[in-house]
Structure formats: structure tokens, C-alpha cells
Amino acid sequence: CALPIFSFTKEHRAQLEFVALERMGVSYSGALGNLIAATTEERQAARAVARGEEGVTLSAKREATVKAMEALTALNQQHEQTLKTGKEFAAVIQTVQQARSANAKDADALFDAYNKAIDQQSKLLSLVLDTSDLSLDPELESFYAMDASLVAAPEFAAAAGRLRGLIVTATVKGEVDDAMALDRKSTRLNSSHS
């Protein structure tokens, strides 16, 4: 009689550990998604300041990134051993610092430096999804929900920000004028509604 109870308890303990690990991954990934979004906005503001645009406040965007980094740091201190994030987390901090120390008057250098920081954040996200077993969820429906919210959304935000930066750079350099950009956007909108 003791063997079935032991087996039952052992199986449920493993399931509880799996759920706890997934919850840890969801919490960490959410904070990391916030950092990716804040860094993307900071990149946009830093480049606007470098181009001399008026009315842009970089300090507010940097403060949002600092708050997101503080939240992630707190979670990292709690879960670093379990999620094995030490090396990648240190690289996230380093690349954000490097982006902030890039030539503040060179929009292209800022773009490259912030892209490296965001790429490093994405690399940390992949690690967390793997070590928390979120990327291995056996339930297909929950895997797709996790993928959409924790992987696709931050990656889409980073890619959209990068694309915006490329368009702004091309426009500033005279490679694309505003009329061409609006015409292309209008064409895409019209074709998508057909």
C-alpha cells in the first residue's frame, strides 16, 4: 500500500516543481519584456536627441529603462541559480551601459549600440524560456499562448523599433523622403484592405 502512495506523491511533487519553474519563467520573462520595450523606446529617444529633434526627453525614457532594469535585477537575484542567468544577465547590463556610453551625437552609432543591447536581452529571454521549461510546455494551447505573449510580442516590438530606426535613418540621409514613405504606407494599407 505504501508504494502506490509514494509513487503518487513523487509524481505530484514533480508536477508542482514543473509549475513552480514555469511561474518563475513567466515572471522573469515578463520583466525582461518590459526591459526590451523600455530599451527600444530609449533607443528611439537617444537617436532623436542625436539628430537634434526638439521636444524629445531622453531622461524620461532612461528612467523607464532604469525601473525595468531594477525590477529585472530583483528577479534575477531571486532566480539566478535556478534559471542559470548569471552570465547572460551580466551581458545585458554591460550592453545597456555600452549603449548609453556610445557617441551621443552619432545616431547611427547609438542605433548599433542599442540594437546590441536589445539583442542581448532577447538572448537572455531565450535562455530563460529554455531553463524554465516554458519552451517545452507539453500542452499545445498553452505553448502557443506562451509563445505569443513571451516570445513573439517582445521580438515584434524590437523588430518594429529597429525598422522604424532604419526608416528614420534613410529619411534623414535623404535616401527616402517623407512623401515616398507615406506613398508606400498608403499602398500597403490599400492592398491589405482589398
Protein backbone atom coordinates (compact mmCIF):
# COMPACT_ATOMS: atom_id res chain seq x y z
CA CYS A 1 0.00 0.00 0.00
CA ALA A 2 2.91 2.35 0.69
CA LEU A 3 4.42 2.03 -2.80
CA PRO A 4 1.40 3.47 -4.69
CA ILE A 5 1.19 6.40 -2.24
CA PHE A 6 4.93 7.07 -2.60
CA SER A 7 4.67 6.91 -6.40
CA PHE A 8 1.60 9.20 -6.40
CA THR A 9 3.34 11.72 -4.12
CA LYS A 10 6.54 11.64 -6.17
CA GLU A 11 4.61 12.28 -9.41
CA HIS A 12 2.67 15.21 -7.95
CA ARG A 13 5.82 16.71 -6.44
CA ALA A 14 7.44 16.65 -9.89
CA GLN A 15 4.37 18.33 -11.39
CA LEU A 16 4.42 21.02 -8.70
CA GLU A 17 8.13 21.65 -9.31
CA PHE A 18 7.44 21.97 -13.05
CA VAL A 19 4.66 24.51 -12.43
CA ALA A 20 6.82 26.49 -9.99
CA LEU A 21 9.63 26.62 -12.55
CA GLU A 22 7.21 27.78 -15.26
CA ARG A 23 5.84 30.51 -12.98
CA MET A 24 9.38 31.67 -12.30
CA GLY A 25 10.00 31.80 -16.05
CA VAL A 26 6.78 33.72 -16.73
CA SER A 27 7.61 36.29 -14.06
CA TYR A 28 11.19 36.75 -15.27
CA SER A 29 10.18 36.84 -18.94
CA GLY A 30 7.53 39.46 -18.28
CA ALA A 31 10.06 41.72 -16.56
CA LEU A 32 12.51 41.13 -19.38
CA GLY A 33 9.82 42.02 -21.94
CA ASN A 34 9.32 45.30 -20.11
CA LEU A 35 13.06 45.96 -20.30
CA ILE A 36 13.12 45.23 -24.04
CA ALA A 37 10.25 47.68 -24.60
CA ALA A 38 11.89 50.37 -22.43
CA THR A 39 15.26 49.94 -24.13
CA THR A 40 13.60 50.19 -27.54
CA GLU A 41 11.96 53.48 -26.55
CA GLU A 42 15.20 54.77 -25.05
CA ARG A 43 17.00 53.95 -28.31
CA GLN A 44 14.43 55.94 -30.26
CA ALA A 45 14.74 58.95 -27.94
CA ALA A 46 18.57 58.84 -27.85
CA ARG A 47 18.69 58.86 -31.64
CA ALA A 48 16.18 61.72 -31.84
CA VAL A 49 18.32 63.78 -29.45
CA ALA A 50 21.42 62.94 -31.50
CA ARG A 51 19.65 64.24 -34.61
CA GLY A 52 18.74 67.44 -32.77
CA GLU A 53 14.99 66.89 -32.69
CA GLU A 54 13.20 69.28 -30.37
CA GLY A 55 10.80 68.23 -27.63
CA VAL A 56 12.37 64.84 -27.01
CA THR A 57 13.10 63.98 -23.39
CA LEU A 58 15.66 61.23 -23.13
CA SER A 59 15.72 61.36 -19.33
CA ALA A 60 12.15 60.04 -19.03
CA LYS A 61 12.93 57.11 -21.34
CA ARG A 62 16.15 56.35 -19.45
CA GLU A 63 14.25 56.41 -16.17
CA ALA A 64 11.77 53.86 -17.56
CA THR A 65 14.69 51.63 -18.58
CA VAL A 66 16.26 52.02 -15.13
CA LYS A 67 12.99 50.99 -13.45
CA ALA A 68 12.63 47.99 -15.77
CA MET A 69 16.24 47.01 -15.07
CA GLU A 70 15.70 47.33 -11.30
CA ALA A 71 12.66 45.05 -11.48
CA LEU A 72 14.58 42.51 -13.54
CA THR A 73 17.59 42.73 -11.21
CA ALA A 74 15.38 41.91 -8.22
CA LEU A 75 14.01 38.84 -10.00
CA ASN A 76 17.46 37.84 -11.17
CA GLN A 77 18.76 37.93 -7.60
CA GLN A 78 15.95 35.55 -6.59
CA HIS A 79 16.17 33.16 -9.53
CA GLU A 80 19.70 33.37 -10.95
CA GLN A 81 20.76 29.97 -9.64
CA THR A 82 17.68 28.14 -10.86
CA LEU A 83 17.42 29.85 -14.26
CA LYS A 84 21.22 29.98 -14.80
CA THR A 85 21.08 33.62 -15.90
CA GLY A 86 24.30 34.96 -14.35
CA LYS A 87 26.45 35.30 -17.47
CA GLU A 88 23.68 36.48 -19.80
CA PHE A 89 22.26 38.90 -17.23
CA ALA A 90 25.71 40.46 -16.74
CA ALA A 91 25.95 40.86 -20.52
CA VAL A 92 22.55 42.63 -20.55
CA ILE A 93 23.78 45.16 -18.01
CA GLN A 94 27.04 45.63 -19.89
CA THR A 95 25.41 46.19 -23.30
CA VAL A 96 22.93 48.72 -21.91
CA GLN A 97 25.82 50.61 -20.31
CA GLN A 98 27.73 50.48 -23.61
CA ALA A 99 24.71 51.83 -25.49
CA ARG A 100 24.44 54.71 -23.07
CA SER A 101 28.13 55.50 -23.42
CA ALA A 102 28.06 55.46 -27.24
CA ASN A 103 28.69 58.75 -29.05
CA ALA A 104 25.61 60.78 -28.08
CA LYS A 105 25.81 62.83 -31.28
CA ASP A 106 26.03 59.88 -33.69
CA ALA A 107 22.54 58.46 -34.30
CA ASP A 108 23.94 55.51 -36.28
CA ALA A 109 26.39 54.53 -33.52
CA LEU A 110 23.57 54.77 -30.98
CA PHE A 111 21.35 52.62 -33.18
CA ASP A 112 24.00 49.90 -33.40
CA ALA A 113 24.81 50.03 -29.69
CA TYR A 114 21.18 49.88 -28.58
CA ASN A 115 20.49 47.07 -31.07
CA LYS A 116 23.29 45.05 -29.43
CA ALA A 117 21.69 45.66 -26.04
CA ILE A 118 18.27 44.56 -27.27
CA ASP A 119 19.76 41.51 -28.98
CA GLN A 120 21.41 40.55 -25.69
CA GLN A 121 18.10 40.96 -23.89
CA SER A 122 16.49 38.65 -26.45
CA LYS A 123 19.27 36.13 -25.90
CA LEU A 124 18.57 36.20 -22.15
CA LEU A 125 14.86 35.72 -22.89
CA SER A 126 15.62 32.58 -24.91
CA LEU A 127 17.74 31.22 -22.07
CA VAL A 128 15.01 31.84 -19.50
CA LEU A 129 12.37 30.20 -21.68
CA ASP A 130 14.58 27.14 -22.01
CA THR A 131 15.73 26.84 -18.38
CA SER A 132 12.22 27.40 -17.01
CA ASP A 133 10.85 24.75 -19.39
CA LEU A 134 8.37 27.26 -20.83
CA SER A 135 9.62 26.42 -24.31
CA LEU A 136 8.89 22.75 -23.62
CA ASP A 137 5.31 23.04 -22.39
CA PRO A 138 3.57 19.77 -23.24
CA GLU A 139 0.18 21.43 -23.65
CA LEU A 140 -0.04 22.77 -27.21
CA GLU A 141 -2.55 25.52 -26.40
CA SER A 142 -0.54 26.89 -23.50
CA PHE A 143 2.65 26.68 -25.58
CA TYR A 144 1.12 28.91 -28.27
CA ALA A 145 -0.17 31.37 -25.66
CA MET A 146 3.28 31.48 -24.04
CA ASP A 147 5.00 31.88 -27.39
CA ALA A 148 2.71 34.73 -28.44
CA SER A 149 2.98 36.67 -25.20
CA LEU A 150 6.54 35.98 -24.07
CA VAL A 151 8.44 35.45 -27.32
CA ALA A 152 6.62 36.94 -30.29
CA ALA A 153 5.44 40.16 -28.64
CA PRO A 154 8.88 41.33 -27.40
CA GLU A 155 10.53 40.22 -30.65
CA PHE A 156 7.90 42.06 -32.68
CA ALA A 157 8.34 45.22 -30.60
CA ALA A 158 12.12 45.06 -31.03
CA ALA A 159 11.84 44.43 -34.78
CA ALA A 160 9.30 47.24 -35.24
CA GLY A 161 11.56 49.63 -33.37
CA ARG A 162 14.55 48.56 -35.45
CA LEU A 163 12.56 49.03 -38.67
CA ARG A 164 11.42 52.47 -37.53
CA GLY A 165 15.04 53.37 -36.83
CA LEU A 166 16.11 52.25 -40.30
CA ILE A 167 13.33 54.27 -41.93
CA VAL A 168 14.22 57.37 -39.92
CA THR A 169 17.90 56.95 -40.81
CA ALA A 170 17.11 56.61 -44.50
CA THR A 171 14.81 59.63 -44.36
CA VAL A 172 17.36 61.78 -42.53
CA LYS A 173 20.07 60.81 -45.00
CA GLY A 174 17.78 61.75 -47.89
CA GLU A 175 17.58 58.19 -49.14
CA VAL A 176 13.81 58.21 -48.65
CA ASP A 177 11.72 61.33 -48.41
CA ASP A 178 8.55 61.63 -46.37
CA ALA A 179 6.34 61.62 -49.46
CA MET A 180 7.82 58.31 -50.65
CA ALA A 181 7.39 56.78 -47.21
CA LEU A 182 3.76 57.91 -46.99
CA ASP A 183 3.06 56.72 -50.52
CA ARG A 184 4.45 53.26 -49.72
CA LYS A 185 2.48 53.10 -46.49
CA SER A 186 -0.70 54.12 -48.31
CA THR A 187 -0.09 51.50 -50.99
CA ARG A 188 0.39 48.76 -48.37
CA LEU A 189 -2.74 49.82 -46.49
CA ASN A 190 -4.83 49.87 -49.66
CA SER A 191 -3.58 46.47 -50.79
CA SER A 192 -4.26 44.92 -47.37
CA HIS A 193 -7.88 46.07 -47.47
CA SER A 194 -8.52 44.66 -50.93
